[in-house]
Structures are given as structure tokens and as C-alpha cells.
Amino acid sequence: MRSAADTNNRTSIKVALLQAMIFNKSNLPLIASYLLVALLFAASVHNGFFWDTIQLGSLHANYYYTTNFRDILLPDPIDSGHIPAFGMYLALIWKIFGRSIVISHLAMLPFVFGIIWQLQKLVKRFINKEYYGLALLLILIDPTLLSQIILISPDVALVFFFLAALNSILDNRKVPLVVAIAFLFLTSMRGMMVSLCLLIIDIFRNIKFEGSLRAFLLKLLKRGLLYLPAFFIFLSFSYYHIRLKGWIGFHDDSPWAEFFSRVGFTGFLRNIGILGWRLLDFGRIGIWIVFIILITKFRAKVLDSKDTRLLIIFFLIFSVLLPANMIWAKNLLGHRYLIPIYLLFSLLCANILFNNQMHHLLRKTLISLWIIMLATGNLWVYPDKIAQGWDSTLAHLPYYKIRSQAIQYLNEQDVNFQNVQSFFPNTATIDAIDLNNDQRFFTDFNNCCEYVIYSNVFNINDDDYEKVKTDYILVKEFKRGSLHMDICRRKIPDQF
């Protein structure tokens, strides 16, 4: 029989091992990463659809849910041109577990924690074991990534499959790569561009440029076969779509056709500037400052590391190719479109920060700068006349509460919603946003109704902004933090 002393010793050893595991330098930030995402997710689980997720999530899913998946293709007014697999996925989840906002958020959990899991695998590969947990936390706190994680967004799935595919390339695991690329094609057209970037990385990483040209081309062909199933899915859907509808991508009457209008040389240069702004926005300028300091300090030594050189190549491939199908158009440079670039640059910077010898005070200073800049980046709110990517920053979180308060106020005042104007994304039916079977909606602003609801979240054009400020008076304001939502009433003639 074991003595009491033996039992106590074993218990003490187990407790000591558990404490060592928890308080290990790497594990504490790792635990913090999971807790941060879990807390944000829990705090947002009752928030409705927001921004483009109303279209790409709610409207698509509602169509399949109400029609019992009768048709693959969506009606033109909500057809985004790409394969609507995300909407089908949500509708299927609703059929099984019920149609509600909470269920919709829970449907994102596999992708949310899948992102952390895949990021963890990627970071372990390029960061010293002692610091990989901290590096993971630094990469994870990107405002755009965190903001998307708490939304019911197809971009959460896209990021997961991007990371899964990249890890599969680095491990040279062919079956997981085929699956991940196929799902990238199913997620969106942007997923296809991400796949193209990954194909080039795959060729660079796994095909040796040696031997005869014929041998090299044969290797290239064999590797390309891994991407063939995804390409076959795209071709099949495109053929079916264009045969039934006569168009693919977008059509002249689609609500977002203007976004795809081509820009001239001046517009191209302007888009280059916007791209640069996106890379620095919401505190990411802090990572660039850290990067510049590290490059200045280590200079040529940075390129001595094979891993660092590899990450530089990955970053350059994505930075050049991914925006290539965006900068030619009027309005395709959304923050969330660039998440793979943000993640690769953060990983590159973390690789240099933690894999080079430096004074601990300098490292702590750079880490602090990184964290402070990204955390406070969520507080960046521009003046009303400057548009910003509200779905790409946690600054949008108060929106749900003030919108709910505004709707409650209108109900209490018995205001007919047909006499209330508003702006994107507040013009969809209340049901499409909150899944509460309330089919009322606000009219798109046309300066004709008695009331207008305006918020700085709406990114309205200057002309409409001036009309709201000139032709209407404030009746009720709801404000939380830097966000506000105003209910305004048209001025009577003698008030002009």
C-alpha cells in the first residue's frame, strides 16, 4: 500500500508540473491568446450581422434556408458572383440547430479556434520555442483579424483555410493541401487569389530547380494537379452560372457594380496610396516602426537566417499578387481583404524580433510598442467625413447597442419605419440583421422621408452628410465611446 507521504509527494509533483506548464514563458501568452479570443467571442455572441456579412452571410443563408436549398444559384440582387458555400453552410447549421444569431456565431467557432491552432503551428515553425507563445499573441491582436473573428463572416473561414494550406505546403502534406485549396475556392473569389499566391509559394518551396527543363516541367505539372480539384470546382460553377444567367462576377445592375468600375492612372496611384494606408491603419504602423528599428539594428544579419529569407519571400509574393486584382478597381481595397498580408508581415517581424540576440530592455520596449499600438489602434476613429473600415476594427463594438436603443426609441414613439431613412448597413430588414422575424426596414436615404437615422459608422458621402446636417434637426442621440447614432427629423419650412 502507498503511504500517505508517497501520496502527498506524488500530488506535490503533479501540482508543480502543472504550475510549471501554466507559468512557462511560452504558455502564459498562449493561454492569454485563447482567453482573449474566447472573451471577445462570448461578448459578441448576441451581436447581429454587420457590414458585408449581412449580404454574404445572412441574405445568402436565408435564401437557402427558406427555399430548402432548391437552387444553387442566388437571385441576382444578392448574387455576389462567387460560389455561395458560406451561405449554404450557415443555412445547413440553421436547419440542424435552429435559426438564431447565437447559433450563427457558434457556427464560426470551428474556424475561430482553427485560426489560433493553425497560427500556433505556423509560429512554432519560425519562432524560438521560448517565445512562440508571445509571438502568437502579438500576431493575433491585429485589430482587423480580431474584428472579423467576432463577426459571422466568410473571411474567418478564408483565413483558416489560408493558414491550413500554408502549413500543409510547409509540411509538404498533399491531401490537407488539396482540401484547404478547394475550400478557399468555395469561400470567395478572393480565396482563389489567395490560392494563386499559395501555388507560387508551393512551387518555390517544394520544387527544386534542377535537372533538365523537361524534368522540371514534369514536377511542375505533378504539383499543379493538387490544385486541379479546386480549379474544376470553379470551372463547373462558372460554366453553370454563366449558362443560366449570362454573367459571372457581377453584372451592370448589381448593387456593387460600381465597386468594380475601372480606374485610370490617377485612380491607380490613389489606390496604391490607399493600400499603403491599409497596411499602416488601426495601429499597424507600430509593427512597421518595430520592423524598421530591427532592420536598422541588424542590417545584413537579418538575411543570414534561412527562415527570415523565406518569410520575406512569402510576404512579397502576397503583397504583390493579392492586391493585383484590387488596385485596378474603384473600391475593392477593404482592410479584411489584406489579412493574409498582415499576418505574414507580423510573423516576419516577430521572427526577427525573437530570433536575434538583443538587450532584453530593447526587446521589451519593442514588444510594448507593438502591443500598445495595436491595442490602441482599435480606438482610431476618423472624423465623420473620412470613411473607415468599421468591420475591421473593434471600435465598431458599441454600434450594436446604440442601434438597438435607436430602434427601441422609434418603437416607443410609434414612428412608422417606412417614414425613416438610413444608410448602409442599416437598410436591410431588421430580420436580416438580427434574425428575429421583424420584416420592417428603413428606407435608403433619398431626402424625402420625415426622419433619418445617421451614424458615423455609415461612411456616407459628403453630399448626403450635408443634407442630413442642413435639412434635419437632431431629435435623439445615442452615444457610446466614439460612436454615435442620431435620430433626426426634417425641419419644417420656417426653420430653414
Protein backbone atom coordinates (compact mmCIF):
# COMPACT_ATOMS: atom_id res chain seq x y z
CA MET A 1 0.00 0.00 0.00
CA ARG A 2 1.13 3.55 -0.66
CA SER A 3 1.92 5.62 2.38
CA ALA A 4 0.35 8.99 2.98
CA ALA A 5 3.76 10.54 2.41
CA ASP A 6 4.08 8.92 -1.05
CA THR A 7 0.62 10.12 -1.99
CA ASN A 8 1.42 13.66 -0.86
CA ASN A 9 4.72 13.60 -2.76
CA ARG A 10 3.01 12.48 -5.95
CA THR A 11 0.36 15.17 -5.54
CA SER A 12 3.07 17.81 -4.95
CA ILE A 13 4.91 16.70 -8.08
CA LYS A 14 1.73 16.89 -10.18
CA VAL A 15 0.94 20.35 -8.84
CA ALA A 16 4.49 21.51 -9.52
CA LEU A 17 4.36 20.17 -13.08
CA LEU A 18 1.00 21.86 -13.65
CA GLN A 19 2.32 25.15 -12.33
CA ALA A 20 5.43 24.86 -14.48
CA MET A 21 3.27 24.20 -17.53
CA ILE A 22 0.97 27.16 -16.84
CA PHE A 23 3.61 29.67 -15.86
CA ASN A 24 6.07 28.74 -18.57
CA LYS A 25 7.19 31.81 -20.58
CA SER A 26 5.59 30.43 -23.72
CA ASN A 27 2.40 29.08 -22.18
CA LEU A 28 1.19 32.22 -20.42
CA PRO A 29 0.86 34.27 -23.63
CA LEU A 30 -0.55 31.17 -25.35
CA ILE A 31 -3.25 30.87 -22.70
CA ALA A 32 -3.84 34.64 -22.98
CA SER A 33 -4.37 34.25 -26.73
CA TYR A 34 -7.11 31.68 -26.30
CA LEU A 35 -8.70 33.63 -23.42
CA LEU A 36 -8.69 36.87 -25.41
CA VAL A 37 -10.49 35.28 -28.34
CA ALA A 38 -12.89 33.38 -26.09
CA LEU A 39 -13.82 36.53 -24.13
CA LEU A 40 -14.32 38.61 -27.27
CA PHE A 41 -16.39 35.84 -28.82
CA ALA A 42 -18.55 35.46 -25.71
CA ALA A 43 -19.09 39.23 -25.51
CA SER A 44 -20.23 39.32 -29.16
CA VAL A 45 -22.36 36.20 -29.37
CA HIS A 46 -25.62 38.21 -29.37
CA ASN A 47 -24.45 40.80 -31.93
CA GLY A 48 -26.30 40.72 -35.23
CA PHE A 49 -24.90 40.61 -38.75
CA PHE A 50 -22.81 43.65 -39.62
CA TRP A 51 -21.50 45.34 -42.74
CA ASP A 52 -20.92 42.95 -45.68
CA THR A 53 -21.81 39.92 -43.56
CA ILE A 54 -25.46 40.91 -43.96
CA GLN A 55 -25.12 40.16 -47.67
CA LEU A 56 -22.53 37.37 -47.64
CA GLY A 57 -23.88 35.65 -44.54
CA SER A 58 -27.47 36.45 -43.64
CA LEU A 59 -29.11 37.10 -47.04
CA HIS A 60 -27.40 34.15 -48.72
CA ALA A 61 -28.18 31.80 -45.85
CA ASN A 62 -31.78 32.99 -45.53
CA TYR A 63 -32.38 32.27 -49.20
CA TYR A 64 -31.17 28.68 -48.91
CA TYR A 65 -32.92 28.22 -45.57
CA THR A 66 -36.32 29.40 -46.80
CA THR A 67 -36.11 27.58 -50.15
CA ASN A 68 -34.72 24.34 -48.66
CA PHE A 69 -31.70 24.53 -50.97
CA ARG A 70 -33.94 24.31 -54.03
CA ASP A 71 -31.50 26.24 -56.25
CA ILE A 72 -27.72 26.52 -56.16
CA LEU A 73 -27.68 29.98 -57.72
CA LEU A 74 -28.86 33.03 -55.79
CA PRO A 75 -31.28 35.68 -57.13
CA ASP A 76 -29.44 38.45 -58.96
CA PRO A 77 -29.99 41.16 -56.28
CA ILE A 78 -27.99 39.13 -53.74
CA ASP A 79 -25.76 37.10 -56.08
CA SER A 80 -22.16 38.11 -55.39
CA GLY A 81 -20.86 36.08 -58.32
CA HIS A 82 -18.71 33.66 -56.37
CA ILE A 83 -19.62 30.21 -55.04
CA PRO A 84 -22.01 30.86 -52.11
CA ALA A 85 -20.75 27.95 -49.98
CA PHE A 86 -20.62 30.04 -46.80
CA GLY A 87 -24.31 30.90 -47.05
CA MET A 88 -25.10 27.23 -47.64
CA TYR A 89 -23.06 26.28 -44.59
CA LEU A 90 -24.93 28.73 -42.35
CA ALA A 91 -28.31 27.61 -43.71
CA LEU A 92 -27.41 23.97 -43.02
CA ILE A 93 -26.43 24.84 -39.45
CA TRP A 94 -29.77 26.64 -39.02
CA LYS A 95 -31.65 23.62 -40.32
CA ILE A 96 -29.96 21.41 -37.74
CA PHE A 97 -29.73 23.65 -34.68
CA GLY A 98 -32.22 26.45 -35.30
CA ARG A 99 -32.08 29.88 -36.91
CA SER A 100 -30.71 32.44 -34.47
CA ILE A 101 -27.84 34.88 -34.01
CA VAL A 102 -26.27 32.79 -31.22
CA ILE A 103 -26.30 29.64 -33.39
CA SER A 104 -24.78 31.64 -36.25
CA HIS A 105 -21.90 32.78 -34.04
CA LEU A 106 -21.38 29.27 -32.70
CA ALA A 107 -21.16 28.06 -36.31
CA MET A 108 -17.99 30.17 -36.58
CA LEU A 109 -16.25 28.53 -33.60
CA PRO A 110 -14.51 25.75 -35.59
CA PHE A 111 -12.93 28.38 -37.83
CA VAL A 112 -12.16 30.80 -34.98
CA PHE A 113 -10.20 28.33 -32.89
CA GLY A 114 -8.93 26.70 -36.06
CA ILE A 115 -7.22 30.00 -36.87
CA ILE A 116 -5.43 30.03 -33.50
CA TRP A 117 -4.46 26.37 -33.93
CA GLN A 118 -3.03 26.93 -37.41
CA LEU A 119 -1.32 30.15 -36.37
CA GLN A 120 0.22 28.31 -33.45
CA LYS A 121 1.63 25.67 -35.80
CA LEU A 122 2.99 28.34 -38.12
CA VAL A 123 4.57 30.38 -35.33
CA LYS A 124 6.24 27.31 -33.80
CA ARG A 125 7.99 26.77 -37.11
CA PHE A 126 9.56 30.22 -37.28
CA ILE A 127 9.94 31.40 -33.67
CA ASN A 128 12.21 30.15 -30.89
CA LYS A 129 10.38 27.82 -28.51
CA GLU A 130 10.93 30.16 -25.58
CA TYR A 131 8.98 32.97 -27.25
CA TYR A 132 6.50 31.33 -29.61
CA GLY A 133 3.54 31.89 -27.24
CA LEU A 134 4.28 35.60 -27.02
CA ALA A 135 4.79 35.81 -30.78
CA LEU A 136 1.40 34.17 -31.32
CA LEU A 137 -0.27 36.75 -29.08
CA LEU A 138 1.43 39.63 -30.92
CA ILE A 139 0.24 38.33 -34.29
CA LEU A 140 -3.25 37.54 -33.05
CA ILE A 141 -4.05 41.01 -31.69
CA ASP A 142 -4.26 42.56 -35.14
CA PRO A 143 -7.45 44.69 -34.96
CA THR A 144 -8.78 43.52 -38.33
CA LEU A 145 -8.30 39.85 -37.51
CA LEU A 146 -9.94 40.20 -34.09
CA SER A 147 -12.82 42.21 -35.54
CA GLN A 148 -13.51 39.59 -38.20
CA ILE A 149 -13.28 36.78 -35.65
CA ILE A 150 -16.25 38.18 -33.72
CA LEU A 151 -18.37 38.56 -36.88
CA ILE A 152 -20.35 35.91 -38.74
CA SER A 153 -18.02 36.36 -41.67
CA PRO A 154 -16.78 34.20 -44.56
CA ASP A 155 -13.39 35.85 -44.09
CA VAL A 156 -12.96 33.88 -40.86
CA ALA A 157 -13.24 30.67 -42.88
CA LEU A 158 -10.94 32.11 -45.56
CA VAL A 159 -8.20 32.93 -43.03
CA PHE A 160 -8.44 29.45 -41.51
CA PHE A 161 -8.11 27.70 -44.87
CA PHE A 162 -5.29 30.05 -45.90
CA LEU A 163 -3.30 29.15 -42.77
CA ALA A 164 -4.14 25.45 -43.14
CA ALA A 165 -2.94 25.49 -46.76
CA LEU A 166 0.27 27.34 -45.88
CA ASN A 167 1.07 24.87 -43.11
CA SER A 168 0.36 21.99 -45.50
CA ILE A 169 2.78 23.46 -48.03
CA LEU A 170 5.49 23.84 -45.40
CA ASP A 171 4.90 20.25 -44.22
CA ASN A 172 4.53 19.03 -47.82
CA ARG A 173 1.26 17.30 -46.86
CA LYS A 174 -0.62 16.86 -50.11
CA VAL A 175 -4.11 15.71 -49.06
CA PRO A 176 -4.68 18.51 -46.49
CA LEU A 177 -3.40 20.97 -49.10
CA VAL A 178 -5.91 19.75 -51.71
CA VAL A 179 -8.75 20.09 -49.20
CA ALA A 180 -7.69 23.57 -47.98
CA ILE A 181 -7.30 24.95 -51.53
CA ALA A 182 -10.69 23.53 -52.52
CA PHE A 183 -12.34 25.31 -49.60
CA LEU A 184 -10.55 28.55 -50.45
CA PHE A 185 -12.15 28.36 -53.90
CA LEU A 186 -15.51 27.66 -52.27
CA THR A 187 -15.20 30.62 -49.92
CA SER A 188 -14.86 33.50 -52.40
CA MET A 189 -13.12 34.79 -55.50
CA ARG A 190 -10.55 36.32 -53.19
CA GLY A 191 -9.90 32.81 -51.91
CA MET A 192 -8.89 31.96 -55.46
CA MET A 193 -6.34 34.80 -55.48
CA VAL A 194 -5.01 33.58 -52.13
CA SER A 195 -4.68 30.12 -53.71
CA LEU A 196 -2.67 31.58 -56.59
CA CYS A 197 -0.25 33.15 -54.10
CA LEU A 198 -0.01 29.83 -52.26
CA LEU A 199 0.67 27.98 -55.54
CA ILE A 200 3.69 30.18 -56.20
CA ILE A 201 4.91 29.65 -52.62
CA ASP A 202 4.34 25.91 -53.06
CA ILE A 203 6.40 25.83 -56.26
CA PHE A 204 9.20 27.84 -54.66
CA ARG A 205 9.16 25.69 -51.52
CA ASN A 206 8.69 22.16 -52.85
CA ILE A 207 10.01 22.04 -56.41
CA LYS A 208 13.76 22.06 -56.88
CA PHE A 209 15.02 23.99 -59.89
CA GLU A 210 17.48 21.35 -61.04
CA GLY A 211 17.93 18.86 -63.85
CA SER A 212 16.53 19.24 -67.34
CA LEU A 213 13.75 21.60 -68.31
CA ARG A 214 11.55 18.62 -69.13
CA ALA A 215 12.07 17.13 -65.66
CA PHE A 216 11.28 20.46 -64.06
CA LEU A 217 8.09 20.89 -66.10
CA LEU A 218 7.01 17.38 -65.17
CA LYS A 219 7.46 18.19 -61.48
CA LEU A 220 5.54 21.40 -62.00
CA LEU A 221 2.69 19.54 -63.68
CA LYS A 222 2.50 16.97 -60.88
CA ARG A 223 2.40 19.68 -58.26
CA GLY A 224 -0.24 21.58 -60.19
CA LEU A 225 -2.51 18.54 -60.07
CA LEU A 226 -3.00 19.22 -56.35
CA TYR A 227 -4.80 22.43 -57.30
CA LEU A 228 -6.85 20.85 -60.09
CA PRO A 229 -9.84 19.75 -57.95
CA ALA A 230 -10.34 23.33 -56.74
CA PHE A 231 -10.00 24.68 -60.27
CA PHE A 232 -12.50 22.09 -61.51
CA ILE A 233 -15.00 23.27 -58.87
CA PHE A 234 -14.54 26.86 -60.06
CA LEU A 235 -14.91 25.99 -63.74
CA SER A 236 -18.01 23.88 -63.12
CA PHE A 237 -19.72 26.58 -61.11
CA SER A 238 -18.71 29.31 -63.56
CA TYR A 239 -20.00 27.34 -66.54
CA TYR A 240 -23.30 26.62 -64.79
CA HIS A 241 -23.63 30.25 -63.65
CA ILE A 242 -22.90 31.87 -66.99
CA ARG A 243 -25.10 29.38 -68.86
CA LEU A 244 -28.11 30.14 -66.67
CA LYS A 245 -27.52 33.84 -66.03
CA GLY A 246 -25.23 35.05 -68.78
CA TRP A 247 -22.76 36.71 -66.41
CA ILE A 248 -20.20 35.91 -63.76
CA GLY A 249 -18.61 38.02 -61.03
CA PHE A 250 -21.01 40.94 -61.33
CA HIS A 251 -23.49 42.43 -63.77
CA ASP A 252 -24.30 46.04 -64.69
CA ASP A 253 -27.37 46.21 -62.44
CA SER A 254 -25.83 44.59 -59.37
CA PRO A 255 -25.71 46.82 -56.24
CA TRP A 256 -21.91 46.59 -56.10
CA ALA A 257 -21.17 47.00 -59.83
CA GLU A 258 -19.79 50.49 -59.13
CA PHE A 259 -17.10 48.99 -56.90
CA PHE A 260 -15.71 47.07 -59.88
CA SER A 261 -15.54 50.06 -62.21
CA ARG A 262 -12.04 50.54 -63.54
CA VAL A 263 -9.92 53.49 -62.53
CA GLY A 264 -7.46 55.39 -64.68
CA PHE A 265 -3.79 56.02 -63.97
CA THR A 266 -4.58 58.67 -61.35
CA GLY A 267 -7.04 56.32 -59.67
CA PHE A 268 -4.43 53.57 -59.79
CA LEU A 269 -1.91 55.76 -57.98
CA ARG A 270 -4.59 56.73 -55.47
CA ASN A 271 -5.28 53.05 -54.82
CA ILE A 272 -1.59 52.43 -54.23
CA GLY A 273 -1.74 55.14 -51.57
CA ILE A 274 -4.88 53.57 -50.04
CA LEU A 275 -3.13 50.18 -49.99
CA GLY A 276 -0.25 51.74 -48.06
CA TRP A 277 -2.71 53.34 -45.67
CA ARG A 278 -4.43 50.00 -45.08
CA LEU A 279 -1.09 48.42 -44.16
CA LEU A 280 -0.47 51.12 -41.53
CA ASP A 281 -4.04 51.64 -40.32
CA PHE A 282 -5.50 50.76 -36.91
CA GLY A 283 -2.14 50.78 -35.15
CA ARG A 284 -0.25 48.58 -37.61
CA ILE A 285 2.15 51.45 -38.09
CA GLY A 286 3.57 50.28 -34.75
CA ILE A 287 4.68 46.96 -36.29
CA TRP A 288 6.34 48.84 -39.14
CA ILE A 289 8.20 51.04 -36.65
CA VAL A 290 9.39 47.90 -34.84
CA PHE A 291 10.43 46.41 -38.19
CA ILE A 292 12.40 49.50 -39.21
CA ILE A 293 14.20 49.58 -35.86
CA LEU A 294 15.11 45.88 -36.17
CA ILE A 295 16.31 46.25 -39.75
CA THR A 296 18.39 49.29 -38.77
CA LYS A 297 19.94 47.44 -35.83
CA PHE A 298 20.71 44.10 -37.50
CA ARG A 299 21.08 45.23 -41.13
CA ALA A 300 22.55 42.43 -43.26
CA LYS A 301 22.41 39.92 -40.37
CA VAL A 302 18.67 39.67 -40.93
CA LEU A 303 19.23 37.85 -44.22
CA ASP A 304 21.58 35.32 -42.59
CA SER A 305 18.55 33.39 -41.34
CA LYS A 306 17.01 30.97 -43.85
CA ASP A 307 13.63 31.28 -42.11
CA THR A 308 13.70 35.06 -42.31
CA ARG A 309 14.54 34.98 -46.01
CA LEU A 310 11.67 32.55 -46.57
CA LEU A 311 9.19 34.79 -44.72
CA ILE A 312 10.35 37.82 -46.71
CA ILE A 313 9.61 35.92 -49.93
CA PHE A 314 6.18 34.86 -48.64
CA PHE A 315 5.35 38.43 -47.68
CA LEU A 316 6.48 39.85 -51.03
CA ILE A 317 4.51 37.27 -53.02
CA PHE A 318 1.30 38.10 -51.19
CA SER A 319 1.96 41.86 -51.13
CA VAL A 320 2.37 41.99 -54.90
CA LEU A 321 -0.15 39.41 -56.13
CA LEU A 322 -3.06 39.61 -53.67
CA PRO A 323 -3.79 43.34 -54.24
CA ALA A 324 -3.25 42.94 -58.01
CA ASN A 325 -6.95 42.27 -58.59
CA MET A 326 -7.95 45.15 -56.29
CA ILE A 327 -5.96 48.23 -57.22
CA TRP A 328 -7.45 48.45 -60.74
CA ALA A 329 -10.97 48.93 -59.37
CA LYS A 330 -12.76 51.77 -57.63
CA ASN A 331 -13.50 50.26 -54.24
CA LEU A 332 -12.02 46.81 -53.64
CA LEU A 333 -9.31 47.62 -51.09
CA GLY A 334 -11.10 46.64 -47.90
CA HIS A 335 -8.97 46.07 -44.82
CA ARG A 336 -10.19 42.49 -44.37
CA TYR A 337 -9.09 41.60 -47.89
CA LEU A 338 -5.48 42.04 -46.78
CA ILE A 339 -5.47 39.89 -43.63
CA PRO A 340 -3.03 37.30 -45.11
CA ILE A 341 -0.55 40.13 -45.74
CA TYR A 342 -0.97 41.48 -42.20
CA LEU A 343 -0.36 38.03 -40.72
CA LEU A 344 2.71 37.27 -42.84
CA PHE A 345 4.28 40.65 -42.08
CA SER A 346 3.64 40.25 -38.34
CA LEU A 347 5.19 36.77 -38.46
CA LEU A 348 8.21 38.14 -40.32
CA CYS A 349 8.67 40.93 -37.79
CA ALA A 350 8.25 38.51 -34.86
CA ASN A 351 10.80 36.18 -36.42
CA ILE A 352 13.41 38.94 -36.46
CA LEU A 353 12.43 40.20 -33.01
CA PHE A 354 12.70 36.85 -31.22
CA ASN A 355 15.37 35.03 -33.22
CA ASN A 356 18.13 37.62 -32.87
CA GLN A 357 20.20 38.41 -29.79
CA MET A 358 19.48 41.82 -28.31
CA HIS A 359 19.37 43.56 -24.98
CA HIS A 360 16.30 42.44 -23.02
CA LEU A 361 15.31 46.09 -22.41
CA LEU A 362 15.18 46.82 -26.15
CA ARG A 363 13.14 43.68 -26.79
CA LYS A 364 10.68 44.56 -24.01
CA THR A 365 10.41 48.09 -25.37
CA LEU A 366 9.64 46.88 -28.91
CA ILE A 367 7.12 44.33 -27.62
CA SER A 368 5.42 47.03 -25.55
CA LEU A 369 5.31 49.38 -28.55
CA TRP A 370 3.78 46.61 -30.68
CA ILE A 371 1.08 45.78 -28.13
CA ILE A 372 0.21 49.38 -27.26
CA MET A 373 -0.05 50.50 -30.89
CA LEU A 374 -2.28 47.60 -31.94
CA ALA A 375 -4.45 47.74 -28.83
CA THR A 376 -5.00 51.48 -29.15
CA GLY A 377 -5.44 51.05 -32.91
CA ASN A 378 -8.95 49.87 -32.07
CA LEU A 379 -9.60 53.38 -30.75
CA TRP A 380 -8.77 55.04 -34.08
CA VAL A 381 -11.97 56.72 -35.21
CA TYR A 382 -11.72 59.22 -38.05
CA PRO A 383 -13.85 62.35 -38.47
CA ASP A 384 -17.32 61.75 -39.90
CA LYS A 385 -16.36 62.72 -43.45
CA ILE A 386 -13.48 60.23 -43.62
CA ALA A 387 -14.60 56.66 -44.37
CA GLN A 388 -13.05 53.80 -42.45
CA GLY A 389 -13.31 50.02 -42.38
CA TRP A 390 -15.68 49.56 -39.48
CA ASP A 391 -15.80 45.79 -39.89
CA SER A 392 -12.03 45.72 -39.43
CA THR A 393 -11.66 47.29 -36.00
CA LEU A 394 -13.09 46.56 -32.57
CA ALA A 395 -14.09 50.23 -32.50
CA HIS A 396 -17.39 49.15 -34.06
CA LEU A 397 -18.47 47.12 -30.99
CA PRO A 398 -20.71 49.83 -29.42
CA TYR A 399 -22.70 50.02 -32.67
CA TYR A 400 -24.98 47.11 -31.81
CA LYS A 401 -26.11 48.69 -28.55
CA ILE A 402 -26.81 52.16 -29.91
CA ARG A 403 -28.64 50.71 -32.91
CA SER A 404 -30.83 48.68 -30.56
CA GLN A 405 -31.53 51.78 -28.48
CA ALA A 406 -32.48 53.77 -31.58
CA ILE A 407 -34.92 51.08 -32.74
CA GLN A 408 -36.43 50.88 -29.25
CA TYR A 409 -36.89 54.66 -29.20
CA LEU A 410 -38.67 54.64 -32.55
CA ASN A 411 -40.95 51.85 -31.32
CA GLU A 412 -41.75 53.80 -28.16
CA GLN A 413 -42.55 56.91 -30.20
CA ASP A 414 -44.71 54.81 -32.54
CA VAL A 415 -42.80 56.02 -35.61
CA ASN A 416 -43.60 54.22 -38.84
CA PHE A 417 -40.35 52.73 -40.18
CA GLN A 418 -41.49 53.46 -43.75
CA ASN A 419 -41.07 57.12 -42.89
CA VAL A 420 -37.49 56.68 -41.66
CA GLN A 421 -34.42 56.80 -43.88
CA SER A 422 -31.00 55.38 -43.14
CA PHE A 423 -27.77 54.22 -44.78
CA PHE A 424 -25.79 51.03 -45.35
CA PRO A 425 -25.57 48.75 -43.40
CA ASN A 426 -28.77 49.81 -41.61
CA THR A 427 -31.20 49.48 -44.53
CA ALA A 428 -31.57 45.70 -44.59
CA THR A 429 -34.62 44.26 -42.87
CA ILE A 430 -34.29 44.00 -39.12
CA ASP A 431 -34.73 40.25 -39.51
CA ALA A 432 -31.79 40.04 -41.93
CA ILE A 433 -29.60 41.65 -39.26
CA ASP A 434 -31.00 40.17 -36.03
CA LEU A 435 -32.81 37.01 -37.24
CA ASN A 436 -35.89 37.98 -35.20
CA ASN A 437 -38.61 37.72 -37.90
CA ASP A 438 -39.12 41.50 -37.90
CA GLN A 439 -39.50 42.34 -41.59
CA ARG A 440 -39.53 46.12 -41.16
CA PHE A 441 -36.71 48.11 -42.71
CA PHE A 442 -35.53 51.68 -43.10
CA THR A 443 -35.66 53.38 -46.49
CA ASP A 444 -32.43 54.14 -48.33
CA PHE A 445 -31.72 57.83 -47.84
CA ASN A 446 -33.38 59.94 -50.54
CA ASN A 447 -34.03 63.14 -48.54
CA CYS A 448 -37.80 62.64 -48.79
CA CYS A 449 -38.91 60.97 -45.55
CA GLU A 450 -39.69 62.74 -42.30
CA TYR A 451 -36.94 61.02 -40.28
CA VAL A 452 -33.39 59.92 -40.87
CA ILE A 453 -31.10 57.76 -38.76
CA TYR A 454 -27.46 58.70 -39.12
CA SER A 455 -24.33 57.25 -37.50
CA ASN A 456 -20.64 57.87 -38.04
CA VAL A 457 -20.43 54.12 -38.76
CA PHE A 458 -22.30 54.60 -42.04
CA ASN A 459 -19.47 56.16 -44.14
CA ILE A 460 -21.90 58.33 -46.13
CA ASN A 461 -20.81 60.62 -48.96
CA ASP A 462 -20.27 64.33 -48.37
CA ASP A 463 -23.44 65.43 -50.21
CA ASP A 464 -25.72 63.23 -48.09
CA TYR A 465 -23.86 64.29 -44.95
CA GLU A 466 -24.52 67.96 -45.72
CA LYS A 467 -28.20 67.26 -46.42
CA VAL A 468 -28.60 65.48 -43.08
CA LYS A 469 -26.92 68.35 -41.24
CA THR A 470 -28.76 71.08 -43.16
CA ASP A 471 -32.27 69.73 -43.73
CA TYR A 472 -32.84 67.86 -40.45
CA ILE A 473 -32.69 68.63 -36.74
CA LEU A 474 -31.47 66.26 -34.05
CA VAL A 475 -34.28 64.62 -32.09
CA LYS A 476 -32.39 61.99 -30.13
CA GLU A 477 -28.72 60.97 -29.92
CA PHE A 478 -27.38 57.66 -28.68
CA LYS A 479 -23.66 57.61 -27.94
CA ARG A 480 -21.17 55.05 -26.66
CA GLY A 481 -17.49 55.82 -26.79
CA SER A 482 -16.57 57.37 -30.13
CA LEU A 483 -19.70 56.08 -31.87
CA HIS A 484 -22.98 57.90 -32.11
CA MET A 485 -26.35 57.28 -33.73
CA ASP A 486 -28.63 60.26 -34.35
CA ILE A 487 -32.36 60.25 -34.99
CA CYS A 488 -33.12 63.42 -36.92
CA ARG A 489 -36.40 64.94 -38.12
CA ARG A 490 -36.93 67.04 -41.20
CA LYS A 491 -37.09 70.78 -40.49
CA ILE A 492 -40.41 72.48 -41.03
CA PRO A 493 -40.32 75.27 -43.67
CA ASP A 494 -40.00 78.21 -41.26
CA GLN A 495 -36.90 76.58 -39.72
CA PHE A 496 -34.91 76.88 -42.93
